[in-house]
Amino acid sequence: MSTHQDNQRALNAMREALASHVAGTMPVADLVGAWRAAATSLTLPPVFSQAMEELLRRLEMSAVFAQDSCSFSSTAVTDQLKRWLDRAETA
């Protein structure tokens, strides 16, 4: 199977997990786990993995700390994850 098809399958799974999280049906820990699992089959430049991990860490931190004690909101991070997906699809 081609790398593009493998990437698309993984990115679709990541997009579905993100949509479930935003809809309130998937907790942060499950979203992060789903993204990390799907990322193992991605073939992208290393900068994508680094950026993804940073965003996932921020999301985990925003879930642990109250919004007012965290320097960024989970909504802002999920918006950034959506942008990451869009860019990864064109990489």
C-alpha atoms as a PDB file:
ATOM      1  CA  MET A   1       0.000   0.000   0.000  1.00  0.00           C
ATOM      2  CA  SER A   2       1.247   3.477  -0.728  1.00  0.00           C
ATOM      3  CA  THR A   3       2.588   5.849   1.874  1.00  0.00           C
ATOM      4  CA  HIS A   4      -0.094   8.397   0.959  1.00  0.00           C
ATOM      5  CA  GLN A   5      -2.878   5.898   1.664  1.00  0.00           C
ATOM      6  CA  ASP A   6      -1.270   4.874   4.966  1.00  0.00           C
ATOM      7  CA  ASN A   7      -0.935   8.517   5.963  1.00  0.00           C
ATOM      8  CA  GLN A   8      -4.516   9.284   4.970  1.00  0.00           C
ATOM      9  CA  ARG A   9      -5.865   6.368   6.993  1.00  0.00           C
ATOM     10  CA  ALA A  10      -3.939   7.477  10.096  1.00  0.00           C
ATOM     11  CA  LEU A  11      -4.892  11.135   9.623  1.00  0.00           C
ATOM     12  CA  ASN A  12      -8.558  10.177   9.246  1.00  0.00           C
ATOM     13  CA  ALA A  13      -8.400   8.253  12.523  1.00  0.00           C
ATOM     14  CA  MET A  14      -6.771  11.264  14.184  1.00  0.00           C
ATOM     15  CA  ARG A  15      -9.398  13.622  12.775  1.00  0.00           C
ATOM     16  CA  GLU A  16     -12.217  11.355  14.026  1.00  0.00           C
ATOM     17  CA  ALA A  17     -10.679  11.180  17.497  1.00  0.00           C
ATOM     18  CA  LEU A  18     -10.323  14.960  17.603  1.00  0.00           C
ATOM     19  CA  ALA A  19     -13.945  15.425  16.511  1.00  0.00           C
ATOM     20  CA  SER A  20     -15.086  13.041  19.251  1.00  0.00           C
ATOM     21  CA  HIS A  21     -13.067  14.946  21.826  1.00  0.00           C
ATOM     22  CA  VAL A  22     -14.423  18.320  20.708  1.00  0.00           C
ATOM     23  CA  ALA A  23     -17.960  16.869  20.824  1.00  0.00           C
ATOM     24  CA  GLY A  24     -17.314  15.849  24.419  1.00  0.00           C
ATOM     25  CA  THR A  25     -17.447  12.095  23.896  1.00  0.00           C
ATOM     26  CA  MET A  26     -13.712  11.349  24.173  1.00  0.00           C
ATOM     27  CA  PRO A  27     -11.586  12.311  27.175  1.00  0.00           C
ATOM     28  CA  VAL A  28      -8.205  13.980  26.661  1.00  0.00           C
ATOM     29  CA  ALA A  29      -6.276  10.857  27.666  1.00  0.00           C
ATOM     30  CA  ASP A  30      -8.085   8.782  25.035  1.00  0.00           C
ATOM     31  CA  LEU A  31      -7.555  11.436  22.374  1.00  0.00           C
ATOM     32  CA  VAL A  32      -3.845  11.627  23.130  1.00  0.00           C
ATOM     33  CA  GLY A  33      -3.567   7.833  23.084  1.00  0.00           C
ATOM     34  CA  ALA A  34      -5.411   7.584  19.777  1.00  0.00           C
ATOM     35  CA  TRP A  35      -3.201  10.243  18.189  1.00  0.00           C
ATOM     36  CA  ARG A  36       0.022   8.656  19.404  1.00  0.00           C
ATOM     37  CA  ALA A  37      -1.115   5.225  18.184  1.00  0.00           C
ATOM     38  CA  ALA A  38      -2.110   6.550  14.752  1.00  0.00           C
ATOM     39  CA  ALA A  39       1.108   8.557  14.444  1.00  0.00           C
ATOM     40  CA  THR A  40       3.181   5.370  14.443  1.00  0.00           C
ATOM     41  CA  SER A  41       2.013   4.659  10.888  1.00  0.00           C
ATOM     42  CA  LEU A  42       2.588   8.187   9.553  1.00  0.00           C
ATOM     43  CA  THR A  43       5.419   8.952   7.180  1.00  0.00           C
ATOM     44  CA  LEU A  44       6.003  12.671   7.602  1.00  0.00           C
ATOM     45  CA  PRO A  45       9.021  14.927   8.127  1.00  0.00           C
ATOM     46  CA  PRO A  46      10.291  14.832  11.744  1.00  0.00           C
ATOM     47  CA  VAL A  47       9.080  18.372  12.421  1.00  0.00           C
ATOM     48  CA  PHE A  48       5.493  17.079  12.288  1.00  0.00           C
ATOM     49  CA  SER A  49       6.117  14.571  15.089  1.00  0.00           C
ATOM     50  CA  GLN A  50       7.787  17.232  17.197  1.00  0.00           C
ATOM     51  CA  ALA A  51       4.941  19.693  16.700  1.00  0.00           C
ATOM     52  CA  MET A  52       2.321  17.036  17.384  1.00  0.00           C
ATOM     53  CA  GLU A  53       3.979  15.957  20.626  1.00  0.00           C
ATOM     54  CA  GLU A  54       4.199  19.556  21.816  1.00  0.00           C
ATOM     55  CA  LEU A  55       0.505  20.099  21.118  1.00  0.00           C
ATOM     56  CA  LEU A  56      -0.469  16.847  22.826  1.00  0.00           C
ATOM     57  CA  ARG A  57       1.598  17.793  25.889  1.00  0.00           C
ATOM     58  CA  ARG A  58      -0.162  21.159  26.034  1.00  0.00           C
ATOM     59  CA  LEU A  59      -3.532  19.455  25.779  1.00  0.00           C
ATOM     60  CA  GLU A  60      -2.622  17.069  28.598  1.00  0.00           C
ATOM     61  CA  MET A  61      -1.472  19.984  30.745  1.00  0.00           C
ATOM     62  CA  SER A  62      -4.640  21.978  30.088  1.00  0.00           C
ATOM     63  CA  ALA A  63      -6.671  18.964  31.235  1.00  0.00           C
ATOM     64  CA  VAL A  64      -4.668  18.605  34.449  1.00  0.00           C
ATOM     65  CA  PHE A  65      -4.662  22.268  35.441  1.00  0.00           C
ATOM     66  CA  ALA A  66      -7.616  24.590  35.763  1.00  0.00           C
ATOM     67  CA  GLN A  67      -8.050  26.860  32.754  1.00  0.00           C
ATOM     68  CA  ASP A  68      -7.099  29.958  34.748  1.00  0.00           C
ATOM     69  CA  SER A  69      -3.810  28.440  35.916  1.00  0.00           C
ATOM     70  CA  CYS A  70      -2.792  27.248  32.483  1.00  0.00           C
ATOM     71  CA  SER A  71      -1.251  29.609  29.945  1.00  0.00           C
ATOM     72  CA  PHE A  72      -3.342  28.199  27.076  1.00  0.00           C
ATOM     73  CA  SER A  73      -6.829  26.775  26.713  1.00  0.00           C
ATOM     74  CA  SER A  74      -7.733  23.313  25.533  1.00  0.00           C
ATOM     75  CA  THR A  75      -9.876  24.944  22.828  1.00  0.00           C
ATOM     76  CA  ALA A  76      -6.861  26.802  21.457  1.00  0.00           C
ATOM     77  CA  VAL A  77      -4.867  23.556  21.412  1.00  0.00           C
ATOM     78  CA  THR A  78      -7.615  21.612  19.645  1.00  0.00           C
ATOM     79  CA  ASP A  79      -7.746  24.394  17.044  1.00  0.00           C
ATOM     80  CA  GLN A  80      -3.999  23.988  16.569  1.00  0.00           C
ATOM     81  CA  LEU A  81      -4.395  20.225  16.248  1.00  0.00           C
ATOM     82  CA  LYS A  82      -6.937  20.806  13.460  1.00  0.00           C
ATOM     83  CA  ARG A  83      -4.408  23.018  11.660  1.00  0.00           C
ATOM     84  CA  TRP A  84      -1.722  20.368  12.195  1.00  0.00           C
ATOM     85  CA  LEU A  85      -3.988  17.791  10.501  1.00  0.00           C
ATOM     86  CA  ASP A  86      -4.609  20.101   7.545  1.00  0.00           C
ATOM     87  CA  ARG A  87      -0.882  20.650   7.064  1.00  0.00           C
ATOM     88  CA  ALA A  88      -0.036  16.981   7.523  1.00  0.00           C
ATOM     89  CA  GLU A  89      -2.505  16.064   4.787  1.00  0.00           C
ATOM     90  CA  THR A  90      -0.632  18.230   2.299  1.00  0.00           C
ATOM     91  CA  ALA A  91       2.882  17.228   3.386  1.00  0.00           C
END
